[in-house]
Amino acid sequence: GETELFASVDNPGIRTIYAAGTAGDWAFRT
């Protein structure tokens, strides 16, 4: 949910999200 929220915001005060997904049992975001 945090990843989805961050990715939906375009604000210089919030880090830009480049990608997200899963790798095995892990979830990740860049």
PDB file of all heavy atoms in Angstrom:
ATOM      1  N   GLY A   1       0.814  -1.209   0.000  1.00  0.00           N
ATOM      2  CA  GLY A   1       0.000   0.000   0.000  1.00  0.00           C
ATOM      3  C   GLY A   1       0.847   1.258   0.000  1.00  0.00           C
ATOM      4  O   GLY A   1       0.539   2.237  -0.692  1.00  0.00           O
ATOM      5  N   GLU A   2       1.913   1.225   0.782  1.00  0.00           N
ATOM      6  CA  GLU A   2       2.850   2.349   0.849  1.00  0.00           C
ATOM      7  C   GLU A   2       3.482   2.589  -0.522  1.00  0.00           C
ATOM      8  O   GLU A   2       3.592   3.731  -0.984  1.00  0.00           O
ATOM      9  CB  GLU A   2       3.905   1.983   1.892  1.00  0.00           C
ATOM     10  CG  GLU A   2       4.940   2.990   2.228  1.00  0.00           C
ATOM     11  CD  GLU A   2       5.877   2.436   3.297  1.00  0.00           C
ATOM     12  OE1 GLU A   2       6.666   1.502   3.009  1.00  0.00           O
ATOM     13  OE2 GLU A   2       5.810   2.940   4.424  1.00  0.00           O
ATOM     14  N   THR A   3       3.875   1.507  -1.178  1.00  0.00           N
ATOM     15  CA  THR A   3       4.486   1.602  -2.507  1.00  0.00           C
ATOM     16  C   THR A   3       3.516   2.217  -3.501  1.00  0.00           C
ATOM     17  O   THR A   3       3.875   3.116  -4.268  1.00  0.00           O
ATOM     18  CB  THR A   3       4.935   0.208  -2.979  1.00  0.00           C
ATOM     19  OG1 THR A   3       5.914  -0.296  -2.066  1.00  0.00           O
ATOM     20  CG2 THR A   3       5.540   0.257  -4.375  1.00  0.00           C
ATOM     21  N   GLU A   4       2.286   1.751  -3.489  1.00  0.00           N
ATOM     22  CA  GLU A   4       1.267   2.279  -4.394  1.00  0.00           C
ATOM     23  C   GLU A   4       1.021   3.771  -4.136  1.00  0.00           C
ATOM     24  O   GLU A   4       0.923   4.574  -5.074  1.00  0.00           O
ATOM     25  CB  GLU A   4      -0.028   1.493  -4.224  1.00  0.00           C
ATOM     26  CG  GLU A   4      -1.111   1.891  -5.186  1.00  0.00           C
ATOM     27  CD  GLU A   4      -2.367   1.062  -5.016  1.00  0.00           C
ATOM     28  OE1 GLU A   4      -2.318  -0.026  -4.424  1.00  0.00           O
ATOM     29  OE2 GLU A   4      -3.423   1.543  -5.491  1.00  0.00           O
ATOM     30  N   LEU A   5       0.946   4.138  -2.871  1.00  0.00           N
ATOM     31  CA  LEU A   5       0.725   5.542  -2.519  1.00  0.00           C
ATOM     32  C   LEU A   5       1.891   6.417  -2.972  1.00  0.00           C
ATOM     33  O   LEU A   5       1.687   7.458  -3.616  1.00  0.00           O
ATOM     34  CB  LEU A   5       0.516   5.688  -1.010  1.00  0.00           C
ATOM     35  CG  LEU A   5       0.334   7.122  -0.509  1.00  0.00           C
ATOM     36  CD1 LEU A   5      -0.936   7.734  -1.082  1.00  0.00           C
ATOM     37  CD2 LEU A   5       0.309   7.150   1.004  1.00  0.00           C
ATOM     38  N   PHE A   6       3.129   6.007  -2.659  1.00  0.00           N
ATOM     39  CA  PHE A   6       4.299   6.791  -3.060  1.00  0.00           C
ATOM     40  C   PHE A   6       4.360   6.949  -4.580  1.00  0.00           C
ATOM     41  O   PHE A   6       4.708   8.002  -5.088  1.00  0.00           O
ATOM     42  CB  PHE A   6       5.594   6.160  -2.566  1.00  0.00           C
ATOM     43  CG  PHE A   6       5.821   6.252  -1.089  1.00  0.00           C
ATOM     44  CD1 PHE A   6       6.671   5.360  -0.457  1.00  0.00           C
ATOM     45  CD2 PHE A   6       5.200   7.210  -0.317  1.00  0.00           C
ATOM     46  CE1 PHE A   6       6.899   5.426   0.911  1.00  0.00           C
ATOM     47  CE2 PHE A   6       5.413   7.297   1.057  1.00  0.00           C
ATOM     48  CZ  PHE A   6       6.273   6.397   1.658  1.00  0.00           C
ATOM     49  N   ALA A   7       4.028   5.892  -5.300  1.00  0.00           N
ATOM     50  CA  ALA A   7       4.103   5.930  -6.763  1.00  0.00           C
ATOM     51  C   ALA A   7       3.043   6.850  -7.358  1.00  0.00           C
ATOM     52  O   ALA A   7       3.218   7.361  -8.466  1.00  0.00           O
ATOM     53  CB  ALA A   7       3.956   4.525  -7.330  1.00  0.00           C
ATOM     54  N   SER A   8       1.958   7.090  -6.635  1.00  0.00           N
ATOM     55  CA  SER A   8       0.874   7.916  -7.171  1.00  0.00           C
ATOM     56  C   SER A   8       1.071   9.408  -6.909  1.00  0.00           C
ATOM     57  O   SER A   8       0.320  10.226  -7.424  1.00  0.00           O
ATOM     58  CB  SER A   8      -0.466   7.472  -6.575  1.00  0.00           C
ATOM     59  OG  SER A   8      -0.556   7.841  -5.211  1.00  0.00           O
ATOM     60  N   VAL A   9       2.092   9.749  -6.124  1.00  0.00           N
ATOM     61  CA  VAL A   9       2.317  11.147  -5.744  1.00  0.00           C
ATOM     62  C   VAL A   9       3.474  11.716  -6.551  1.00  0.00           C
ATOM     63  O   VAL A   9       4.524  11.111  -6.665  1.00  0.00           O
ATOM     64  CB  VAL A   9       2.627  11.248  -4.229  1.00  0.00           C
ATOM     65  CG1 VAL A   9       2.942  12.670  -3.838  1.00  0.00           C
ATOM     66  CG2 VAL A   9       1.473  10.694  -3.419  1.00  0.00           C
ATOM     67  N   ASP A  10       3.266  12.878  -7.104  1.00  0.00           N
ATOM     68  CA  ASP A  10       4.318  13.582  -7.826  1.00  0.00           C
ATOM     69  C   ASP A  10       4.633  14.852  -7.051  1.00  0.00           C
ATOM     70  O   ASP A  10       3.992  15.883  -7.224  1.00  0.00           O
ATOM     71  CB  ASP A  10       3.854  13.912  -9.240  1.00  0.00           C
ATOM     72  CG  ASP A  10       4.954  14.537 -10.076  1.00  0.00           C
ATOM     73  OD1 ASP A  10       6.133  14.484  -9.671  1.00  0.00           O
ATOM     74  OD2 ASP A  10       4.632  15.100 -11.138  1.00  0.00           O
ATOM     75  N   ASN A  11       5.607  14.734  -6.135  1.00  0.00           N
ATOM     76  CA  ASN A  11       5.945  15.840  -5.257  1.00  0.00           C
ATOM     77  C   ASN A  11       7.447  15.783  -4.986  1.00  0.00           C
ATOM     78  O   ASN A  11       7.976  14.714  -4.682  1.00  0.00           O
ATOM     79  CB  ASN A  11       5.167  15.696  -3.943  1.00  0.00           C
ATOM     80  CG  ASN A  11       5.418  16.838  -2.988  1.00  0.00           C
ATOM     81  OD1 ASN A  11       6.540  17.078  -2.551  1.00  0.00           O
ATOM     82  ND2 ASN A  11       4.358  17.547  -2.640  1.00  0.00           N
ATOM     83  N   PRO A  12       8.156  16.901  -5.100  1.00  0.00           N
ATOM     84  CA  PRO A  12       9.607  16.875  -4.883  1.00  0.00           C
ATOM     85  C   PRO A  12      10.014  16.480  -3.465  1.00  0.00           C
ATOM     86  O   PRO A  12      11.152  16.097  -3.227  1.00  0.00           O
ATOM     87  CB  PRO A  12      10.057  18.295  -5.212  1.00  0.00           C
ATOM     88  CG  PRO A  12       8.833  19.128  -5.178  1.00  0.00           C
ATOM     89  CD  PRO A  12       7.670  18.223  -5.450  1.00  0.00           C
ATOM     90  N   GLY A  13       9.083  16.536  -2.517  1.00  0.00           N
ATOM     91  CA  GLY A  13       9.389  16.158  -1.144  1.00  0.00           C
ATOM     92  C   GLY A  13       9.241  14.665  -0.873  1.00  0.00           C
ATOM     93  O   GLY A  13       9.526  14.202   0.217  1.00  0.00           O
ATOM     94  N   ILE A  14       8.797  13.913  -1.875  1.00  0.00           N
ATOM     95  CA  ILE A  14       8.618  12.462  -1.722  1.00  0.00           C
ATOM     96  C   ILE A  14       9.461  11.767  -2.782  1.00  0.00           C
ATOM     97  O   ILE A  14       9.455  12.140  -3.960  1.00  0.00           O
ATOM     98  CB  ILE A  14       7.123  12.081  -1.873  1.00  0.00           C
ATOM     99  CG1 ILE A  14       6.319  12.766  -0.758  1.00  0.00           C
ATOM    100  CG2 ILE A  14       6.939  10.569  -1.849  1.00  0.00           C
ATOM    101  CD1 ILE A  14       4.835  12.565  -0.857  1.00  0.00           C
ATOM    102  N   ARG A  15      10.186  10.749  -2.362  1.00  0.00           N
ATOM    103  CA  ARG A  15      11.053  10.026  -3.288  1.00  0.00           C
ATOM    104  C   ARG A  15      10.270   9.474  -4.467  1.00  0.00           C
ATOM    105  O   ARG A  15       9.206   8.901  -4.303  1.00  0.00           O
ATOM    106  CB  ARG A  15      11.701   8.832  -2.605  1.00  0.00           C
ATOM    107  CG  ARG A  15      12.780   9.160  -1.671  1.00  0.00           C
ATOM    108  CD  ARG A  15      13.226   7.879  -0.971  1.00  0.00           C
ATOM    109  NE  ARG A  15      13.713   8.237   0.328  1.00  0.00           N
ATOM    110  CZ  ARG A  15      15.012   8.391   0.606  1.00  0.00           C
ATOM    111  NH1 ARG A  15      15.898   8.166  -0.315  1.00  0.00           N
ATOM    112  NH2 ARG A  15      15.379   8.761   1.800  1.00  0.00           N
ATOM    113  N   THR A  16      10.860   9.598  -5.631  1.00  0.00           N
ATOM    114  CA  THR A  16      10.273   9.034  -6.832  1.00  0.00           C
ATOM    115  C   THR A  16      10.410   7.513  -6.803  1.00  0.00           C
ATOM    116  O   THR A  16      11.476   6.986  -6.494  1.00  0.00           O
ATOM    117  CB  THR A  16      10.999   9.587  -8.077  1.00  0.00           C
ATOM    118  OG1 THR A  16      10.940  11.013  -8.037  1.00  0.00           O
ATOM    119  CG2 THR A  16      10.394   9.071  -9.357  1.00  0.00           C
ATOM    120  N   ILE A  17       9.332   6.814  -7.113  1.00  0.00           N
ATOM    121  CA  ILE A  17       9.359   5.355  -7.220  1.00  0.00           C
ATOM    122  C   ILE A  17       9.564   5.016  -8.689  1.00  0.00           C
ATOM    123  O   ILE A  17       8.831   5.503  -9.554  1.00  0.00           O
ATOM    124  CB  ILE A  17       8.034   4.731  -6.707  1.00  0.00           C
ATOM    125  CG1 ILE A  17       7.795   5.103  -5.247  1.00  0.00           C
ATOM    126  CG2 ILE A  17       8.035   3.225  -6.908  1.00  0.00           C
ATOM    127  CD1 ILE A  17       8.839   4.601  -4.276  1.00  0.00           C
ATOM    128  N   TYR A  18      10.557   4.167  -8.980  1.00  0.00           N
ATOM    129  CA  TYR A  18      10.852   3.789 -10.352  1.00  0.00           C
ATOM    130  C   TYR A  18      10.171   2.484 -10.752  1.00  0.00           C
ATOM    131  O   TYR A  18       9.725   2.339 -11.876  1.00  0.00           O
ATOM    132  CB  TYR A  18      12.359   3.644 -10.570  1.00  0.00           C
ATOM    133  CG  TYR A  18      13.155   4.900 -10.323  1.00  0.00           C
ATOM    134  CD1 TYR A  18      14.370   4.837  -9.667  1.00  0.00           C
ATOM    135  CD2 TYR A  18      12.724   6.144 -10.759  1.00  0.00           C
ATOM    136  CE1 TYR A  18      15.125   5.980  -9.444  1.00  0.00           C
ATOM    137  CE2 TYR A  18      13.469   7.289 -10.538  1.00  0.00           C
ATOM    138  CZ  TYR A  18      14.673   7.199  -9.889  1.00  0.00           C
ATOM    139  OH  TYR A  18      15.417   8.328  -9.669  1.00  0.00           O
ATOM    140  N   ALA A  19      10.122   1.522  -9.835  1.00  0.00           N
ATOM    141  CA  ALA A  19       9.559   0.204 -10.162  1.00  0.00           C
ATOM    142  C   ALA A  19       9.208  -0.522  -8.876  1.00  0.00           C
ATOM    143  O   ALA A  19       9.696  -0.183  -7.798  1.00  0.00           O
ATOM    144  CB  ALA A  19      10.566  -0.611 -10.961  1.00  0.00           C
ATOM    145  N   ALA A  20       8.361  -1.528  -9.001  1.00  0.00           N
ATOM    146  CA  ALA A  20       7.989  -2.367  -7.861  1.00  0.00           C
ATOM    147  C   ALA A  20       7.612  -3.743  -8.387  1.00  0.00           C
ATOM    148  O   ALA A  20       7.287  -3.905  -9.564  1.00  0.00           O
ATOM    149  CB  ALA A  20       6.828  -1.749  -7.093  1.00  0.00           C
ATOM    150  N   GLY A  21       7.656  -4.720  -7.496  1.00  0.00           N
ATOM    151  CA  GLY A  21       7.285  -6.065  -7.904  1.00  0.00           C
ATOM    152  C   GLY A  21       7.592  -7.070  -6.822  1.00  0.00           C
ATOM    153  O   GLY A  21       7.769  -6.720  -5.656  1.00  0.00           O
ATOM    154  N   THR A  22       7.678  -8.326  -7.231  1.00  0.00           N
ATOM    155  CA  THR A  22       8.052  -9.400  -6.319  1.00  0.00           C
ATOM    156  C   THR A  22       9.219 -10.170  -6.912  1.00  0.00           C
ATOM    157  O   THR A  22       9.397 -10.216  -8.134  1.00  0.00           O
ATOM    158  CB  THR A  22       6.874 -10.368  -6.051  1.00  0.00           C
ATOM    159  OG1 THR A  22       6.423 -10.902  -7.301  1.00  0.00           O
ATOM    160  CG2 THR A  22       5.736  -9.669  -5.344  1.00  0.00           C
ATOM    161  N   ALA A  23       9.980 -10.755  -6.028  1.00  0.00           N
ATOM    162  CA  ALA A  23      11.107 -11.612  -6.400  1.00  0.00           C
ATOM    163  C   ALA A  23      11.105 -12.758  -5.396  1.00  0.00           C
ATOM    164  O   ALA A  23      11.482 -12.557  -4.244  1.00  0.00           O
ATOM    165  CB  ALA A  23      12.411 -10.839  -6.360  1.00  0.00           C
ATOM    166  N   GLY A  24      10.616 -13.910  -5.799  1.00  0.00           N
ATOM    167  CA  GLY A  24      10.463 -15.008  -4.853  1.00  0.00           C
ATOM    168  C   GLY A  24       9.458 -14.618  -3.791  1.00  0.00           C
ATOM    169  O   GLY A  24       8.361 -14.155  -4.095  1.00  0.00           O
ATOM    170  N   ASP A  25       9.834 -14.753  -2.512  1.00  0.00           N
ATOM    171  CA  ASP A  25       8.968 -14.384  -1.390  1.00  0.00           C
ATOM    172  C   ASP A  25       9.050 -12.907  -1.030  1.00  0.00           C
ATOM    173  O   ASP A  25       8.348 -12.452  -0.142  1.00  0.00           O
ATOM    174  CB  ASP A  25       9.352 -15.198  -0.134  1.00  0.00           C
ATOM    175  CG  ASP A  25       8.914 -16.637  -0.217  1.00  0.00           C
ATOM    176  OD1 ASP A  25       8.043 -16.942  -1.069  1.00  0.00           O
ATOM    177  OD2 ASP A  25       9.420 -17.451   0.558  1.00  0.00           O
ATOM    178  N   TRP A  26       9.913 -12.173  -1.675  1.00  0.00           N
ATOM    179  CA  TRP A  26      10.122 -10.783  -1.339  1.00  0.00           C
ATOM    180  C   TRP A  26       9.262  -9.857  -2.201  1.00  0.00           C
ATOM    181  O   TRP A  26       9.032 -10.128  -3.376  1.00  0.00           O
ATOM    182  CB  TRP A  26      11.577 -10.376  -1.567  1.00  0.00           C
ATOM    183  CG  TRP A  26      12.571 -11.101  -0.739  1.00  0.00           C
ATOM    184  CD1 TRP A  26      12.381 -11.723   0.468  1.00  0.00           C
ATOM    185  CD2 TRP A  26      13.951 -11.295  -1.057  1.00  0.00           C
ATOM    186  NE1 TRP A  26      13.550 -12.260   0.919  1.00  0.00           N
ATOM    187  CE2 TRP A  26      14.529 -12.024   0.000  1.00  0.00           C
ATOM    188  CE3 TRP A  26      14.748 -10.926  -2.112  1.00  0.00           C
ATOM    189  CZ2 TRP A  26      15.866 -12.377   0.019  1.00  0.00           C
ATOM    190  CZ3 TRP A  26      16.079 -11.277  -2.104  1.00  0.00           C
ATOM    191  CH2 TRP A  26      16.629 -11.994  -1.033  1.00  0.00           C
ATOM    192  N   ALA A  27       8.827  -8.751  -1.630  1.00  0.00           N
ATOM    193  CA  ALA A  27       8.282  -7.636  -2.397  1.00  0.00           C
ATOM    194  C   ALA A  27       9.393  -6.596  -2.436  1.00  0.00           C
ATOM    195  O   ALA A  27      10.193  -6.492  -1.505  1.00  0.00           O
ATOM    196  CB  ALA A  27       7.038  -7.073  -1.722  1.00  0.00           C
ATOM    197  N   PHE A  28       9.460  -5.844  -3.516  1.00  0.00           N
ATOM    198  CA  PHE A  28      10.498  -4.823  -3.601  1.00  0.00           C
ATOM    199  C   PHE A  28       9.960  -3.587  -4.295  1.00  0.00           C
ATOM    200  O   PHE A  28       8.955  -3.619  -4.987  1.00  0.00           O
ATOM    201  CB  PHE A  28      11.735  -5.342  -4.344  1.00  0.00           C
ATOM    202  CG  PHE A  28      11.551  -5.492  -5.827  1.00  0.00           C
ATOM    203  CD1 PHE A  28      11.866  -4.455  -6.693  1.00  0.00           C
ATOM    204  CD2 PHE A  28      11.055  -6.666  -6.376  1.00  0.00           C
ATOM    205  CE1 PHE A  28      11.695  -4.583  -8.063  1.00  0.00           C
ATOM    206  CE2 PHE A  28      10.877  -6.813  -7.735  1.00  0.00           C
ATOM    207  CZ  PHE A  28      11.203  -5.767  -8.589  1.00  0.00           C
ATOM    208  N   ARG A  29      10.668  -2.487  -4.055  1.00  0.00           N
ATOM    209  CA  ARG A  29      10.444  -1.283  -4.833  1.00  0.00           C
ATOM    210  C   ARG A  29      11.793  -0.601  -5.008  1.00  0.00           C
ATOM    211  O   ARG A  29      12.681  -0.706  -4.157  1.00  0.00           O
ATOM    212  CB  ARG A  29       9.414  -0.361  -4.205  1.00  0.00           C
ATOM    213  CG  ARG A  29       9.828   0.343  -2.948  1.00  0.00           C
ATOM    214  CD  ARG A  29       8.753   1.348  -2.500  1.00  0.00           C
ATOM    215  NE  ARG A  29       9.049   1.890  -1.206  1.00  0.00           N
ATOM    216  CZ  ARG A  29       8.382   1.612  -0.090  1.00  0.00           C
ATOM    217  NH1 ARG A  29       7.371   0.765  -0.117  1.00  0.00           N
ATOM    218  NH2 ARG A  29       8.725   2.167   1.047  1.00  0.00           N
ATOM    219  N   THR A  30      11.921   0.080  -6.113  1.00  0.00           N
ATOM    220  CA  THR A  30      13.120   0.873  -6.356  1.00  0.00           C
ATOM    221  C   THR A  30      12.693   2.327  -6.452  1.00  0.00           C
ATOM    222  O   THR A  30      11.579   2.639  -6.875  1.00  0.00           O
ATOM    223  CB  THR A  30      13.852   0.456  -7.640  1.00  0.00           C
ATOM    224  OG1 THR A  30      13.026   0.712  -8.776  1.00  0.00           O
ATOM    225  CG2 THR A  30      14.248  -1.010  -7.594  1.00  0.00           C
TER     226      THR A  30
END
